[in-house]
């Protein structure tokens, strides 16, 4: 039973790294500056929070913040709507009559937003790196400082995968 618990914990922790992808033919060392994409929504509260977090964190990833005209990369973001299915956990160790109760059952669905960041080369708009957070974007029940803290945490986790390790 102890081994099963350890295995479950290991599986849960392995899902913490954000999903990311990158263009494997790109030399990431040639990029040294970044700017938020000119079409970024900076007027909304969440857009301003994402922008502030990105401006703070991009220099820690080797990208100097500059104007969009001079930047070697543009950072884009999107809040992508997704549907999360709510399911029961399979009871793999319990037997009911002649069968094992190992089926996962769906009992509902929740709409949520996921934060996606991507870097593109300005001249061609070619996407060279993209990362999507595993957790839902902070919901409307959070506001102020706590909302800002959680958004910064998500941006930090996403940018931790840049530059990609080959």
C-alpha atoms as a PDB file:
ATOM      1  CA  UNK A   1       0.000   0.000   0.000  1.00  0.00           C
ATOM      2  CA  UNK A   2       2.894   2.367   0.811  1.00  0.00           C
ATOM      3  CA  UNK A   3       4.370   1.806  -2.667  1.00  0.00           C
ATOM      4  CA  UNK A   4       1.041   2.696  -4.251  1.00  0.00           C
ATOM      5  CA  UNK A   5       0.920   5.972  -2.298  1.00  0.00           C
ATOM      6  CA  UNK A   6       4.483   6.874  -3.315  1.00  0.00           C
ATOM      7  CA  UNK A   7       3.709   6.091  -6.944  1.00  0.00           C
ATOM      8  CA  UNK A   8       0.589   8.284  -6.811  1.00  0.00           C
ATOM      9  CA  UNK A   9       2.551  11.195  -5.319  1.00  0.00           C
ATOM     10  CA  UNK A  10       5.275  10.821  -7.945  1.00  0.00           C
ATOM     11  CA  UNK A  11       2.696  10.887 -10.749  1.00  0.00           C
ATOM     12  CA  UNK A  12       1.016  13.986  -9.338  1.00  0.00           C
ATOM     13  CA  UNK A  13       4.300  15.855  -8.966  1.00  0.00           C
ATOM     14  CA  UNK A  14       5.486  14.941 -12.461  1.00  0.00           C
ATOM     15  CA  UNK A  15       2.559  16.930 -13.917  1.00  0.00           C
ATOM     16  CA  UNK A  16       3.798  20.234 -12.436  1.00  0.00           C
ATOM     17  CA  UNK A  17       6.084  21.291 -15.291  1.00  0.00           C
ATOM     18  CA  UNK A  18       4.246  23.376 -17.891  1.00  0.00           C
ATOM     19  CA  UNK A  19       3.865  21.873 -21.334  1.00  0.00           C
ATOM     20  CA  UNK A  20       6.124  23.579 -23.859  1.00  0.00           C
ATOM     21  CA  UNK A  21       7.331  23.187 -27.417  1.00  0.00           C
ATOM     22  CA  UNK A  22       9.998  24.861 -29.511  1.00  0.00           C
ATOM     23  CA  UNK A  23      11.441  24.977 -33.013  1.00  0.00           C
ATOM     24  CA  UNK A  24      14.381  22.598 -32.872  1.00  0.00           C
ATOM     25  CA  UNK A  25      16.127  24.228 -35.856  1.00  0.00           C
ATOM     26  CA  UNK A  26      16.505  27.582 -34.024  1.00  0.00           C
ATOM     27  CA  UNK A  27      19.674  28.773 -32.291  1.00  0.00           C
ATOM     28  CA  UNK A  28      18.223  30.426 -29.193  1.00  0.00           C
ATOM     29  CA  UNK A  29      21.550  32.016 -28.246  1.00  0.00           C
ATOM     30  CA  UNK A  30      21.146  34.540 -31.077  1.00  0.00           C
ATOM     31  CA  UNK A  31      18.168  36.187 -29.356  1.00  0.00           C
ATOM     32  CA  UNK A  32      19.045  38.763 -26.720  1.00  0.00           C
ATOM     33  CA  UNK A  33      16.058  41.109 -26.477  1.00  0.00           C
ATOM     34  CA  UNK A  34      12.306  40.893 -26.203  1.00  0.00           C
ATOM     35  CA  UNK A  35       9.228  43.043 -26.096  1.00  0.00           C
ATOM     36  CA  UNK A  36       5.584  42.412 -25.558  1.00  0.00           C
ATOM     37  CA  UNK A  37       3.889  41.977 -28.908  1.00  0.00           C
ATOM     38  CA  UNK A  38       2.433  45.266 -30.195  1.00  0.00           C
ATOM     39  CA  UNK A  39      -1.071  43.778 -30.225  1.00  0.00           C
ATOM     40  CA  UNK A  40      -0.931  42.769 -26.519  1.00  0.00           C
ATOM     41  CA  UNK A  41      -3.874  43.811 -24.368  1.00  0.00           C
ATOM     42  CA  UNK A  42      -2.252  46.023 -21.744  1.00  0.00           C
ATOM     43  CA  UNK A  43      -5.421  47.936 -20.866  1.00  0.00           C
ATOM     44  CA  UNK A  44      -7.101  45.141 -18.908  1.00  0.00           C
ATOM     45  CA  UNK A  45      -6.059  44.455 -15.323  1.00  0.00           C
ATOM     46  CA  UNK A  46      -4.960  40.890 -16.087  1.00  0.00           C
ATOM     47  CA  UNK A  47      -3.142  41.989 -19.251  1.00  0.00           C
ATOM     48  CA  UNK A  48      -1.218  44.568 -17.226  1.00  0.00           C
ATOM     49  CA  UNK A  49      -0.387  41.920 -14.594  1.00  0.00           C
ATOM     50  CA  UNK A  50       0.878  39.464 -17.206  1.00  0.00           C
ATOM     51  CA  UNK A  51       2.929  42.235 -18.856  1.00  0.00           C
ATOM     52  CA  UNK A  52       4.445  43.362 -15.546  1.00  0.00           C
ATOM     53  CA  UNK A  53       5.418  39.797 -14.643  1.00  0.00           C
ATOM     54  CA  UNK A  54       6.922  39.202 -18.094  1.00  0.00           C
ATOM     55  CA  UNK A  55       8.928  42.435 -18.002  1.00  0.00           C
ATOM     56  CA  UNK A  56      10.355  41.417 -14.634  1.00  0.00           C
ATOM     57  CA  UNK A  57      11.129  37.826 -15.613  1.00  0.00           C
ATOM     58  CA  UNK A  58      12.357  37.994 -19.227  1.00  0.00           C
ATOM     59  CA  UNK A  59      15.736  39.484 -18.210  1.00  0.00           C
ATOM     60  CA  UNK A  60      16.276  36.474 -15.914  1.00  0.00           C
ATOM     61  CA  UNK A  61      15.921  34.300 -19.028  1.00  0.00           C
ATOM     62  CA  UNK A  62      18.615  36.221 -20.942  1.00  0.00           C
ATOM     63  CA  UNK A  63      16.307  38.599 -22.820  1.00  0.00           C
ATOM     64  CA  UNK A  64      16.691  42.346 -22.333  1.00  0.00           C
ATOM     65  CA  UNK A  65      13.439  44.309 -22.433  1.00  0.00           C
ATOM     66  CA  UNK A  66      13.354  46.792 -25.298  1.00  0.00           C
ATOM     67  CA  UNK A  67      10.921  48.484 -27.663  1.00  0.00           C
ATOM     68  CA  UNK A  68       8.955  46.335 -30.087  1.00  0.00           C
ATOM     69  CA  UNK A  69      10.824  47.895 -33.041  1.00  0.00           C
ATOM     70  CA  UNK A  70      14.214  46.832 -31.659  1.00  0.00           C
ATOM     71  CA  UNK A  71      13.300  43.488 -30.092  1.00  0.00           C
ATOM     72  CA  UNK A  72      14.632  40.238 -31.524  1.00  0.00           C
ATOM     73  CA  UNK A  73      11.563  38.441 -30.099  1.00  0.00           C
ATOM     74  CA  UNK A  74       7.972  39.375 -29.345  1.00  0.00           C
ATOM     75  CA  UNK A  75       6.195  37.803 -26.395  1.00  0.00           C
ATOM     76  CA  UNK A  76       2.533  37.022 -26.995  1.00  0.00           C
ATOM     77  CA  UNK A  77      -0.016  35.738 -24.513  1.00  0.00           C
ATOM     78  CA  UNK A  78      -3.512  34.305 -24.660  1.00  0.00           C
ATOM     79  CA  UNK A  79      -6.051  33.080 -22.149  1.00  0.00           C
ATOM     80  CA  UNK A  80      -7.247  29.925 -23.872  1.00  0.00           C
ATOM     81  CA  UNK A  81     -10.667  28.543 -22.877  1.00  0.00           C
ATOM     82  CA  UNK A  82     -10.755  24.819 -22.118  1.00  0.00           C
ATOM     83  CA  UNK A  83     -13.235  22.378 -20.672  1.00  0.00           C
ATOM     84  CA  UNK A  84     -12.065  20.273 -17.749  1.00  0.00           C
ATOM     85  CA  UNK A  85     -13.974  17.046 -17.212  1.00  0.00           C
ATOM     86  CA  UNK A  86     -14.714  16.191 -13.598  1.00  0.00           C
ATOM     87  CA  UNK A  87     -14.218  12.484 -13.076  1.00  0.00           C
ATOM     88  CA  UNK A  88     -14.228   9.919 -10.312  1.00  0.00           C
ATOM     89  CA  UNK A  89     -11.019   8.138  -9.443  1.00  0.00           C
ATOM     90  CA  UNK A  90     -10.979   4.500 -10.487  1.00  0.00           C
ATOM     91  CA  UNK A  91     -11.015   2.131  -7.530  1.00  0.00           C
ATOM     92  CA  UNK A  92      -8.524  -0.345  -8.894  1.00  0.00           C
ATOM     93  CA  UNK A  93      -8.155  -2.228  -5.621  1.00  0.00           C
ATOM     94  CA  UNK A  94     -11.824  -2.804  -4.868  1.00  0.00           C
ATOM     95  CA  UNK A  95     -13.759  -5.700  -6.258  1.00  0.00           C
ATOM     96  CA  UNK A  96     -17.519  -5.583  -6.748  1.00  0.00           C
ATOM     97  CA  UNK A  97     -18.956  -8.964  -7.416  1.00  0.00           C
ATOM     98  CA  UNK A  98     -17.407 -10.523 -10.479  1.00  0.00           C
ATOM     99  CA  UNK A  99     -15.584  -7.427 -11.787  1.00  0.00           C
ATOM    100  CA  UNK A 100     -13.008  -4.880 -10.700  1.00  0.00           C
ATOM    101  CA  UNK A 101     -14.334  -1.319 -10.340  1.00  0.00           C
ATOM    102  CA  UNK A 102     -11.601   0.348 -12.380  1.00  0.00           C
ATOM    103  CA  UNK A 103     -13.649   2.666 -14.577  1.00  0.00           C
ATOM    104  CA  UNK A 104     -13.260   6.415 -14.459  1.00  0.00           C
ATOM    105  CA  UNK A 105     -16.636   8.133 -14.587  1.00  0.00           C
ATOM    106  CA  UNK A 106     -17.398  11.664 -15.785  1.00  0.00           C
ATOM    107  CA  UNK A 107     -19.817  13.544 -13.541  1.00  0.00           C
ATOM    108  CA  UNK A 108     -19.466  17.110 -14.801  1.00  0.00           C
ATOM    109  CA  UNK A 109     -17.478  19.716 -16.698  1.00  0.00           C
ATOM    110  CA  UNK A 110     -15.990  23.087 -15.823  1.00  0.00           C
ATOM    111  CA  UNK A 111     -14.980  25.844 -18.235  1.00  0.00           C
ATOM    112  CA  UNK A 112     -11.613  27.385 -17.358  1.00  0.00           C
ATOM    113  CA  UNK A 113      -8.915  29.541 -18.891  1.00  0.00           C
ATOM    114  CA  UNK A 114      -5.291  28.463 -19.375  1.00  0.00           C
ATOM    115  CA  UNK A 115      -2.438  30.949 -19.812  1.00  0.00           C
ATOM    116  CA  UNK A 116      -0.405  30.434 -22.981  1.00  0.00           C
ATOM    117  CA  UNK A 117       2.817  32.335 -23.750  1.00  0.00           C
ATOM    118  CA  UNK A 118       4.744  32.197 -27.013  1.00  0.00           C
ATOM    119  CA  UNK A 119       7.752  33.920 -28.511  1.00  0.00           C
ATOM    120  CA  UNK A 120       7.830  34.862 -32.178  1.00  0.00           C
ATOM    121  CA  UNK A 121      10.373  36.461 -34.473  1.00  0.00           C
ATOM    122  CA  UNK A 122       8.966  39.928 -35.310  1.00  0.00           C
ATOM    123  CA  UNK A 123       9.799  40.067 -39.024  1.00  0.00           C
ATOM    124  CA  UNK A 124       8.201  36.732 -39.898  1.00  0.00           C
ATOM    125  CA  UNK A 125       5.872  36.182 -36.897  1.00  0.00           C
ATOM    126  CA  UNK A 126       7.349  32.663 -36.795  1.00  0.00           C
ATOM    127  CA  UNK A 127       6.658  31.062 -33.422  1.00  0.00           C
ATOM    128  CA  UNK A 128       9.858  29.579 -32.011  1.00  0.00           C
ATOM    129  CA  UNK A 129       8.751  28.717 -28.445  1.00  0.00           C
ATOM    130  CA  UNK A 130       5.362  28.129 -26.802  1.00  0.00           C
ATOM    131  CA  UNK A 131       4.289  27.118 -23.307  1.00  0.00           C
ATOM    132  CA  UNK A 132       0.860  26.474 -21.770  1.00  0.00           C
ATOM    133  CA  UNK A 133       0.233  26.362 -18.044  1.00  0.00           C
ATOM    134  CA  UNK A 134      -1.287  23.177 -16.639  1.00  0.00           C
ATOM    135  CA  UNK A 135      -3.403  24.934 -14.018  1.00  0.00           C
ATOM    136  CA  UNK A 136      -6.393  27.150 -14.576  1.00  0.00           C
ATOM    137  CA  UNK A 137      -5.839  30.895 -14.736  1.00  0.00           C
ATOM    138  CA  UNK A 138      -6.944  32.581 -11.480  1.00  0.00           C
ATOM    139  CA  UNK A 139     -10.726  32.791 -11.340  1.00  0.00           C
ATOM    140  CA  UNK A 140     -12.872  35.830 -10.731  1.00  0.00           C
ATOM    141  CA  UNK A 141     -13.094  35.117  -7.010  1.00  0.00           C
ATOM    142  CA  UNK A 142      -9.480  36.252  -6.578  1.00  0.00           C
ATOM    143  CA  UNK A 143      -8.632  39.927  -6.774  1.00  0.00           C
ATOM    144  CA  UNK A 144      -5.904  42.415  -6.013  1.00  0.00           C
ATOM    145  CA  UNK A 145      -2.626  41.225  -4.565  1.00  0.00           C
ATOM    146  CA  UNK A 146      -3.483  37.529  -4.464  1.00  0.00           C
ATOM    147  CA  UNK A 147      -4.521  37.583  -8.132  1.00  0.00           C
ATOM    148  CA  UNK A 148      -1.290  39.388  -9.075  1.00  0.00           C
ATOM    149  CA  UNK A 149       0.770  36.875  -7.089  1.00  0.00           C
ATOM    150  CA  UNK A 150      -0.833  33.880  -8.802  1.00  0.00           C
ATOM    151  CA  UNK A 151      -0.467  35.393 -12.271  1.00  0.00           C
ATOM    152  CA  UNK A 152       3.212  36.122 -11.615  1.00  0.00           C
ATOM    153  CA  UNK A 153       3.644  32.547 -10.395  1.00  0.00           C
ATOM    154  CA  UNK A 154       2.154  31.164 -13.622  1.00  0.00           C
ATOM    155  CA  UNK A 155       4.274  33.454 -15.824  1.00  0.00           C
ATOM    156  CA  UNK A 156       7.370  32.400 -13.834  1.00  0.00           C
ATOM    157  CA  UNK A 157       6.607  28.717 -14.329  1.00  0.00           C
ATOM    158  CA  UNK A 158       5.965  29.176 -18.045  1.00  0.00           C
ATOM    159  CA  UNK A 159       9.133  31.190 -18.663  1.00  0.00           C
ATOM    160  CA  UNK A 160      11.206  28.657 -16.708  1.00  0.00           C
ATOM    161  CA  UNK A 161      11.137  26.495 -19.857  1.00  0.00           C
ATOM    162  CA  UNK A 162      12.872  29.218 -21.936  1.00  0.00           C
ATOM    163  CA  UNK A 163      15.425  28.869 -23.410  1.00  0.00           C
ATOM    164  CA  UNK A 164      14.603  25.238 -24.079  1.00  0.00           C
ATOM    165  CA  UNK A 165      17.118  22.596 -23.103  1.00  0.00           C
ATOM    166  CA  UNK A 166      17.900  20.455 -26.086  1.00  0.00           C
END
